[in-house]
Every structure is written in C-alpha cells, then in structure tokens.
Amino acid sequence: MSGTKCTQAYLNRLAEMLLKTKREKDVTLKEITDIFRRIDDINSRMDSAQTKKTIGGKLFTEYEDALKKESGSLAERQKKLKDVQLPESVRGADPNRLQTIQDDISRIRDKNRKTEGVLDKTESDIINLSISDKVLSNIEFVRRKFQAAREAQEGLLKKWLPDKYEKLTKDYEKVRESISRHKEALNSRKDTNQAAKDFKKTEDALKDLTERLTALAQKADRSEELHQKRLYILKGLREVCASLGFEDVGKPRYEKDGDFNSVVLHTVDTLNEGRVTFKLHLDNRIESDSGISLDACGDEFKKLSDLLKETYGVETAFKRVSQEEGPNRISKTEKPMPQSAPKTDRKHM
C-alpha cells in the first residue's frame, strides 16, 4: 500500500440491482410520507369553519370519505414496503427476488400517482369553491402544488444544493407576497386590468419556479444515488479491512466538515505495516495513502480487492498513481459510476 494508489470502484450487476432496490424502497417510503403530509394539510383546511360552510355538508362528506379511503390504502402500501427485508451485501442477494420486489414497488408507485390525482382534484375543487376568481384560484392551486413539492424535496436540496435551495425559497417568498398584493387589489376592485396583468406575471413566475425545482430535485437525487453507492462501498471496505485484522482509526468523516459533496476519509491501522487513509470520492473513485512497504503493499491490496468483490460485488484494481488502470468490467452492459463529488458533524457515516 506504499505511497498513493487509486482505483475506480465498479459495482457488479447484482450489487447494482441490490442498491437500486434499496434506493427505490427508500424513495417510495419517503413519497408515501409526503402524500400523508399533503392529506393532513388538506384535512386541516377542510376542518376550518369557513371552508366547511363554503363546501357544504354533502360535498364535504364526499371529500372527507375520499381522503379517508386514500389514507387507508396508503397505510397498506407503507406497511407492505416496511416489511420488505433486503440483504446488506451481495452475499444474501437473489436477483429473482430483487426483481420481484422492484416490480412490487413499481406497482405501489403507480397507485401513489393515482392517489395524488385524487388529491389534486379534491384540492382544486376546494380552492375553486373558496375563491370566486378563476385565475386566482388556478394560481393558488399551482402555488400549493409547488409548496408541497418543495417541502418534499427540502431535505435533499438542503443536503446537496443548499445555496440554490435558499435562492429558490427566497424567490418563492417574493411570489407569495405578490399573490397577496394581487388579492388585495382584486378585493378592492382597483385597476382590474393591471391586476390581470400582474396575475399573468405571477403565473409565469410560478411556472419558472416549478421548472427550477424539478431540475434541482433531479440533480440532488442523482447526487444522493451516487452517495448511497459510496456508503455501500465504504461499508464493504470497512468490513473487509476488519476481516484482514486492520483496526479503524476513528470514524469515517468528510474532508470538509458538514459538506456531503466533499471526499469521505477513513483511516485504518494495519498494526504491522502502519496506517492507511482511504479517500472515497462521490464518483466512487478511491485513493489511498500509506507508508507500507512495496512488498507487503501489493499483497494486502490484492486480498482487499478480492474480498470486496466476493462479499460486496465491488470491483477494484488499486494501482500506484503512475501506473493507474481501471478494473476490468464484468460485462459490456456494466457502466462506471458517473463523476461528481458530499452532514455528519464530523458527522460520521
């Protein structure tokens, strides 16, 4: 392990499948939680005395029953997903079972889309009944949809794109203030022509915010996907090092404290040959720095690479920087993890 070595870490097909299944399970559970929150929000607005009076008894009961039905169905989907147990590594992974789970998750997400459609209609109807002006009611519906989506993505955006999320939030607050001013102008019936023009600007601003949110969410989701792969590789690396008799020197940490985009550092003590520090990049490139003798170095890294492949499906080929080469692909369909680069206070992994 002498000097600096580097390798790109590739996941074999089974490891990729396992990670994808884990990710889809987590994302879908989060999606269900967000839909529950939206149902609670609609219910709280329906419970207000003014809304009850506006909607009317029979219609109110219909909406209430529809939301109860969707909540019950959501709870069943949530339980089914939580009951799914997945192995921690490829050692216990069965590709056929993973495919079955992925198919089940896909069906659950289709049902989630239908639930969201029911919520859209319910929310739109309530807003239309509460606001007489058609343009304003449409703006309010789009605003609420944006707000729900922003809240759903808040965690990932703060984690991966904090500055851009802060800018998006500030711009949204400006739009909310603008809508309030337009409502006042409409209620006072002052310069209705100008109010109509202002509403059009607000609609355009909301559309722009929605497009920005979608683009940022996709970018943050991609970073999170790469990070989950990095954590999987780190877990495998730590287990393999422990099986070789190495000891952790502290916990893994980010090179820049609190910055998920930065390199993850982890140091082990080989006890006989000194310490090795691994640097895991977000593109799942691994570097190592050590002072181990050249003879012992090649041997130890070969053992490490073999065990990573066997237990976690992680392909590596550590080379001194001057002779760096990537590991052989398992098949033509396997691709390297794309490039890029991530709070644990000294937050440990």
Protein backbone atom coordinates (compact mmCIF):
# COMPACT_ATOMS: atom_id res chain seq x y z
CA MET A 1 0.00 0.00 0.00
CA SER A 2 3.09 2.14 -0.28
CA GLY A 3 2.58 5.71 -1.48
CA THR A 4 -0.60 6.82 -3.24
CA LYS A 5 -2.81 4.32 -5.00
CA CYS A 6 -6.02 4.91 -6.88
CA THR A 7 -8.87 2.87 -8.35
CA GLN A 8 -12.35 3.37 -9.75
CA ALA A 9 -14.83 1.18 -7.89
CA TYR A 10 -17.46 -0.52 -10.05
CA LEU A 11 -20.44 -2.46 -8.77
CA ASN A 12 -21.20 -5.75 -10.49
CA ARG A 13 -24.69 -6.39 -11.84
CA LEU A 14 -26.05 -7.98 -8.64
CA ALA A 15 -24.66 -5.19 -6.44
CA GLU A 16 -26.17 -2.56 -8.76
CA MET A 17 -29.51 -4.36 -8.58
CA LEU A 18 -29.37 -4.56 -4.79
CA LEU A 19 -28.55 -0.86 -4.43
CA LYS A 20 -31.28 0.10 -6.90
CA THR A 21 -33.86 -1.92 -4.96
CA LYS A 22 -32.81 -0.35 -1.66
CA ARG A 23 -32.98 3.11 -3.18
CA GLU A 24 -36.40 2.57 -4.75
CA LYS A 25 -37.75 1.26 -1.44
CA ASP A 26 -36.46 4.29 0.47
CA VAL A 27 -37.67 6.78 -2.14
CA THR A 28 -41.13 5.23 -2.27
CA LEU A 29 -41.47 5.22 1.53
CA LYS A 30 -40.50 8.90 1.53
CA GLU A 31 -43.04 9.53 -1.22
CA ILE A 32 -45.80 7.92 0.87
CA THR A 33 -44.83 10.06 3.87
CA ASP A 34 -45.08 13.19 1.71
CA ILE A 35 -48.53 12.17 0.43
CA PHE A 36 -49.70 11.60 4.02
CA ARG A 37 -48.50 15.11 4.88
CA ARG A 38 -50.43 16.55 1.96
CA ILE A 39 -53.60 14.72 3.05
CA ASP A 40 -53.16 16.14 6.58
CA ASP A 41 -52.79 19.63 5.10
CA ILE A 42 -55.98 19.32 3.02
CA ASN A 43 -57.86 17.88 6.01
CA SER A 44 -56.77 20.75 8.27
CA ARG A 45 -58.03 23.29 5.73
CA MET A 46 -61.29 21.42 5.29
CA ASP A 47 -61.80 21.45 9.07
CA SER A 48 -61.84 25.23 9.22
CA ALA A 49 -65.34 26.64 9.87
CA GLN A 50 -65.20 28.87 6.80
CA THR A 51 -64.24 26.02 4.46
CA LYS A 52 -66.96 23.76 5.86
CA LYS A 53 -69.52 26.49 5.28
CA THR A 54 -68.25 27.09 1.72
CA ILE A 55 -68.16 23.44 0.69
CA GLY A 56 -71.48 22.37 2.18
CA GLY A 57 -72.50 19.22 4.03
CA LYS A 58 -72.88 16.53 1.36
CA LEU A 59 -69.87 17.64 -0.68
CA PHE A 60 -67.76 17.95 2.46
CA THR A 61 -68.63 14.36 3.41
CA GLU A 62 -67.67 13.13 -0.07
CA TYR A 63 -64.25 14.79 0.12
CA GLU A 64 -63.73 13.55 3.67
CA ASP A 65 -64.59 9.95 2.68
CA ALA A 66 -62.29 10.11 -0.36
CA LEU A 67 -59.36 11.26 1.79
CA LYS A 68 -60.03 8.53 4.37
CA LYS A 69 -60.08 5.90 1.64
CA GLU A 70 -56.77 7.09 0.18
CA SER A 71 -55.19 7.24 3.66
CA GLY A 72 -56.17 3.63 4.34
CA SER A 73 -54.78 2.45 1.00
CA LEU A 74 -51.56 4.41 1.59
CA ALA A 75 -51.12 2.82 5.03
CA GLU A 76 -51.38 -0.67 3.46
CA ARG A 77 -48.73 0.20 0.86
CA GLN A 78 -46.48 1.66 3.54
CA LYS A 79 -46.73 -1.49 5.68
CA LYS A 80 -46.00 -3.74 2.71
CA LEU A 81 -42.85 -1.77 1.91
CA LYS A 82 -41.64 -1.63 5.50
CA ASP A 83 -41.98 -5.42 5.73
CA VAL A 84 -39.54 -5.87 2.82
CA GLN A 85 -36.18 -7.10 4.13
CA LEU A 86 -33.10 -6.65 1.94
CA PRO A 87 -29.61 -8.09 2.49
CA GLU A 88 -26.72 -5.81 3.37
CA SER A 89 -24.46 -7.20 0.66
CA VAL A 90 -24.50 -9.46 -2.40
CA ARG A 91 -23.81 -12.49 -0.21
CA GLY A 92 -27.50 -12.83 0.60
CA ALA A 93 -28.91 -11.34 -2.60
CA ASP A 94 -31.12 -13.27 -5.03
CA PRO A 95 -31.65 -11.48 -8.37
CA ASN A 96 -35.07 -13.06 -8.93
CA ARG A 97 -36.32 -11.90 -5.54
CA LEU A 98 -34.88 -8.42 -6.10
CA GLN A 99 -36.70 -8.20 -9.43
CA THR A 100 -39.97 -9.26 -7.77
CA ILE A 101 -39.53 -6.55 -5.13
CA GLN A 102 -38.78 -3.94 -7.80
CA ASP A 103 -41.97 -4.93 -9.66
CA ASP A 104 -43.99 -4.62 -6.43
CA ILE A 105 -42.51 -1.18 -5.76
CA SER A 106 -43.35 -0.08 -9.29
CA ARG A 107 -47.00 -1.06 -8.74
CA ILE A 108 -47.04 0.82 -5.44
CA ARG A 109 -45.70 3.96 -7.14
CA ASP A 110 -48.43 3.68 -9.81
CA LYS A 111 -51.02 3.63 -7.01
CA ASN A 112 -49.32 6.62 -5.40
CA ARG A 113 -49.75 8.56 -8.66
CA LYS A 114 -53.47 7.76 -8.63
CA THR A 115 -53.73 8.94 -5.02
CA GLU A 116 -52.02 12.19 -5.95
CA GLY A 117 -54.55 12.60 -8.77
CA VAL A 118 -57.39 12.27 -6.25
CA LEU A 119 -55.70 14.85 -4.01
CA ASP A 120 -55.21 17.24 -6.95
CA LYS A 121 -58.91 17.10 -7.82
CA THR A 122 -60.01 17.45 -4.20
CA GLU A 123 -57.70 20.39 -3.57
CA SER A 124 -58.64 22.09 -6.84
CA ASP A 125 -62.36 21.73 -6.09
CA ILE A 126 -61.95 23.16 -2.59
CA ILE A 127 -59.97 26.14 -3.89
CA ASN A 128 -62.47 26.79 -6.69
CA LEU A 129 -65.31 26.75 -4.18
CA SER A 130 -63.44 29.07 -1.84
CA ILE A 131 -62.15 31.58 -4.44
CA SER A 132 -64.57 33.00 -6.97
CA ASP A 133 -61.96 34.41 -9.36
CA LYS A 134 -60.93 31.61 -11.75
CA VAL A 135 -57.43 32.97 -12.47
CA LEU A 136 -56.68 33.47 -8.80
CA SER A 137 -57.98 30.00 -7.87
CA ASN A 138 -55.71 28.45 -10.52
CA ILE A 139 -52.71 30.37 -9.21
CA GLU A 140 -53.49 29.27 -5.67
CA PHE A 141 -53.72 25.62 -6.76
CA VAL A 142 -50.36 25.80 -8.60
CA ARG A 143 -48.80 27.57 -5.61
CA ARG A 144 -49.94 24.87 -3.21
CA LYS A 145 -48.68 22.13 -5.54
CA PHE A 146 -45.30 23.87 -5.73
CA GLN A 147 -45.15 24.31 -1.96
CA ALA A 148 -45.92 20.62 -1.37
CA ALA A 149 -43.23 19.60 -3.90
CA ARG A 150 -40.69 21.99 -2.37
CA GLU A 151 -41.32 20.62 1.12
CA ALA A 152 -40.97 17.06 -0.20
CA GLN A 153 -37.58 17.88 -1.75
CA GLU A 154 -36.34 20.12 1.06
CA GLY A 155 -34.12 17.52 2.74
CA LEU A 156 -32.17 16.55 -0.39
CA LEU A 157 -31.90 20.11 -1.69
CA LYS A 158 -30.53 21.41 1.61
CA LYS A 159 -28.11 18.49 1.67
CA TRP A 160 -26.73 18.78 -1.87
CA LEU A 161 -27.62 22.25 -3.19
CA PRO A 162 -28.08 24.48 -0.11
CA ASP A 163 -27.28 27.79 -1.85
CA LYS A 164 -29.59 27.13 -4.80
CA TYR A 165 -32.34 25.91 -2.48
CA GLU A 166 -32.05 29.10 -0.41
CA LYS A 167 -32.32 31.21 -3.59
CA LEU A 168 -35.35 29.21 -4.76
CA THR A 169 -37.03 29.71 -1.37
CA LYS A 170 -36.42 33.47 -1.41
CA ASP A 171 -37.85 33.75 -4.92
CA TYR A 172 -40.89 31.77 -3.84
CA GLU A 173 -41.49 34.10 -0.90
CA LYS A 174 -41.49 37.04 -3.32
CA VAL A 175 -44.16 35.29 -5.41
CA ARG A 176 -46.27 34.65 -2.29
CA GLU A 177 -46.05 38.34 -1.37
CA SER A 178 -47.04 39.24 -4.92
CA ILE A 179 -50.11 36.97 -4.76
CA SER A 180 -51.19 38.64 -1.51
CA ARG A 181 -50.94 42.07 -3.13
CA HIS A 182 -52.95 40.89 -6.14
CA LYS A 183 -55.67 39.54 -3.86
CA GLU A 184 -55.93 42.90 -2.13
CA ALA A 185 -56.15 44.72 -5.44
CA LEU A 186 -58.82 42.31 -6.66
CA ASN A 187 -60.88 42.66 -3.47
CA SER A 188 -60.70 46.44 -3.56
CA ARG A 189 -61.56 46.36 -7.29
CA LYS A 190 -58.81 48.86 -8.05
CA ASP A 191 -57.41 48.82 -11.58
CA THR A 192 -58.63 45.33 -12.50
CA ASN A 193 -56.80 45.50 -15.86
CA GLN A 194 -53.48 45.95 -14.11
CA ALA A 195 -54.40 43.18 -11.65
CA ALA A 196 -54.98 40.81 -14.58
CA LYS A 197 -51.53 41.66 -16.00
CA ASP A 198 -49.97 41.11 -12.59
CA PHE A 199 -51.65 37.72 -12.29
CA LYS A 200 -50.17 36.69 -15.63
CA LYS A 201 -46.68 37.63 -14.39
CA THR A 202 -47.30 35.63 -11.23
CA GLU A 203 -48.40 32.59 -13.22
CA ASP A 204 -45.21 32.79 -15.28
CA ALA A 205 -43.11 33.17 -12.12
CA LEU A 206 -44.71 30.07 -10.57
CA LYS A 207 -44.10 28.11 -13.76
CA ASP A 208 -40.43 29.14 -13.69
CA LEU A 209 -40.12 28.17 -10.02
CA THR A 210 -41.65 24.76 -10.72
CA GLU A 211 -39.24 24.11 -13.59
CA ARG A 212 -36.28 25.17 -11.45
CA LEU A 213 -37.42 22.93 -8.60
CA THR A 214 -37.75 19.95 -10.93
CA ALA A 215 -34.25 20.46 -12.34
CA LEU A 216 -32.67 20.94 -8.89
CA ALA A 217 -34.51 17.90 -7.49
CA GLN A 218 -33.20 15.71 -10.32
CA LYS A 219 -29.65 16.88 -9.69
CA ALA A 220 -29.91 16.36 -5.93
CA ASP A 221 -31.44 12.92 -6.43
CA ARG A 222 -28.53 11.91 -8.68
CA SER A 223 -26.02 13.07 -6.05
CA GLU A 224 -27.87 11.10 -3.38
CA GLU A 225 -27.83 7.99 -5.56
CA LEU A 226 -24.06 8.28 -6.01
CA HIS A 227 -23.64 8.91 -2.30
CA GLN A 228 -25.59 5.77 -1.39
CA LYS A 229 -23.26 3.78 -3.63
CA ARG A 230 -20.30 5.42 -1.91
CA LEU A 231 -21.69 4.48 1.53
CA TYR A 232 -22.19 0.90 0.33
CA ILE A 233 -18.58 0.76 -0.87
CA LEU A 234 -17.39 2.31 2.40
CA LYS A 235 -19.32 -0.28 4.40
CA GLY A 236 -17.72 -3.05 2.35
CA LEU A 237 -14.27 -1.50 2.69
CA ARG A 238 -14.57 -1.29 6.48
CA GLU A 239 -15.81 -4.87 6.80
CA VAL A 240 -13.07 -6.21 4.57
CA CYS A 241 -10.37 -4.26 6.42
CA ALA A 242 -11.68 -5.64 9.72
CA SER A 243 -11.56 -9.20 8.33
CA LEU A 244 -7.90 -8.62 7.42
CA GLY A 245 -7.17 -7.65 11.03
CA PHE A 246 -6.98 -3.89 10.46
CA GLU A 247 -8.44 -1.51 13.05
CA ASP A 248 -10.41 1.69 12.42
CA VAL A 249 -8.67 4.90 13.44
CA GLY A 250 -11.71 6.91 14.41
CA LYS A 251 -14.89 7.10 12.33
CA PRO A 252 -15.21 7.97 8.64
CA ARG A 253 -15.54 11.72 8.14
CA TYR A 254 -15.96 14.31 5.43
CA GLU A 255 -12.88 16.19 4.31
CA LYS A 256 -14.90 19.41 4.61
CA ASP A 257 -16.92 19.16 7.77
CA GLY A 258 -20.65 19.11 7.02
CA ASP A 259 -20.17 19.10 3.23
CA PHE A 260 -21.61 15.98 1.62
CA ASN A 261 -20.03 16.89 -1.71
CA SER A 262 -16.54 16.57 -0.26
CA VAL A 263 -14.37 13.47 -0.06
CA VAL A 264 -15.06 10.85 2.64
CA LEU A 265 -11.92 9.99 4.60
CA HIS A 266 -11.36 6.77 6.50
CA THR A 267 -8.14 5.65 8.19
CA VAL A 268 -7.22 2.13 9.30
CA ASP A 269 -4.24 0.82 11.21
CA THR A 270 -2.77 -2.37 9.72
CA LEU A 271 -0.97 -2.89 13.06
CA ASN A 272 2.06 -4.46 11.40
CA GLU A 273 2.63 -2.15 8.44
CA GLY A 274 1.31 1.24 9.58
CA ARG A 275 -1.76 3.28 8.74
CA VAL A 276 -3.69 3.65 5.50
CA THR A 277 -6.06 6.53 4.72
CA PHE A 278 -8.74 5.90 2.11
CA LYS A 279 -10.38 8.77 0.26
CA LEU A 280 -13.76 7.99 -1.30
CA HIS A 281 -14.95 10.47 -3.92
CA LEU A 282 -18.57 10.95 -4.94
CA ASP A 283 -17.80 9.38 -8.32
CA ASN A 284 -16.70 6.33 -6.28
CA ARG A 285 -13.06 6.73 -7.11
CA ILE A 286 -10.91 5.53 -4.20
CA GLU A 287 -7.47 6.85 -3.31
CA SER A 288 -5.23 5.51 -0.59
CA ASP A 289 -2.20 6.98 1.12
CA SER A 290 0.16 4.88 3.21
CA GLY A 291 3.77 4.19 4.06
CA ILE A 292 3.55 0.43 3.78
CA SER A 293 6.49 -1.28 2.16
CA LEU A 294 6.14 -2.09 -1.53
CA ASP A 295 6.39 -5.87 -1.00
CA ALA A 296 3.63 -6.03 1.64
CA CYS A 297 1.59 -3.47 -0.21
CA GLY A 298 0.68 -5.46 -3.32
CA ASP A 299 -0.27 -8.47 -1.25
CA GLU A 300 -2.59 -6.61 1.12
CA PHE A 301 -4.38 -4.73 -1.64
CA LYS A 302 -4.94 -7.89 -3.63
CA LYS A 303 -6.59 -9.50 -0.61
CA LEU A 304 -8.66 -6.37 -0.07
CA SER A 305 -9.83 -6.25 -3.71
CA ASP A 306 -10.67 -9.97 -3.78
CA LEU A 307 -12.77 -9.75 -0.61
CA LEU A 308 -14.57 -6.60 -1.80
CA LYS A 309 -15.55 -8.41 -4.98
CA GLU A 310 -16.60 -11.59 -3.21
CA THR A 311 -18.68 -10.09 -0.39
CA TYR A 312 -19.97 -6.80 -1.82
CA GLY A 313 -19.72 -7.16 -5.58
CA VAL A 314 -17.33 -4.20 -5.74
CA GLU A 315 -14.67 -4.39 -8.46
CA THR A 316 -11.41 -2.54 -7.72
CA ALA A 317 -7.87 -2.54 -9.10
CA PHE A 318 -5.60 -0.44 -6.90
CA LYS A 319 -2.59 0.88 -8.78
CA ARG A 320 0.16 3.30 -7.88
CA VAL A 321 -0.75 6.64 -9.40
CA SER A 322 1.99 6.31 -12.01
CA GLN A 323 0.55 3.02 -13.30
CA GLU A 324 -3.13 3.65 -12.68
CA GLU A 325 -5.55 1.41 -14.56
CA GLY A 326 -9.23 0.75 -14.04
CA PRO A 327 -10.63 -2.64 -13.06
CA ASN A 328 -11.95 -4.87 -15.81
CA ARG A 329 -15.70 -4.61 -16.42
CA ILE A 330 -17.78 -7.68 -15.62
CA SER A 331 -19.78 -7.22 -18.84
CA LYS A 332 -20.31 -4.71 -21.62
CA THR A 333 -23.57 -3.60 -20.02
CA GLU A 334 -21.95 -2.56 -16.77
CA LYS A 335 -21.10 1.08 -16.51
CA PRO A 336 -18.82 3.04 -14.17
CA MET A 337 -20.42 5.33 -11.66
CA PRO A 338 -20.60 8.87 -13.14
CA GLN A 339 -18.35 11.58 -11.87
CA SER A 340 -19.19 14.30 -9.43
CA ALA A 341 -18.32 14.65 -5.70
CA PRO A 342 -20.82 15.28 -0.21
CA LYS A 343 -23.73 16.41 7.23
CA THR A 344 -22.40 14.47 9.60
CA ASP A 345 -20.67 16.75 12.08
CA ARG A 346 -17.67 15.21 11.94
CA LYS A 347 -20.90 13.55 11.34
CA HIS A 348 -19.82 10.00 10.98
CA MET A 349 -21.13 7.59 8.35
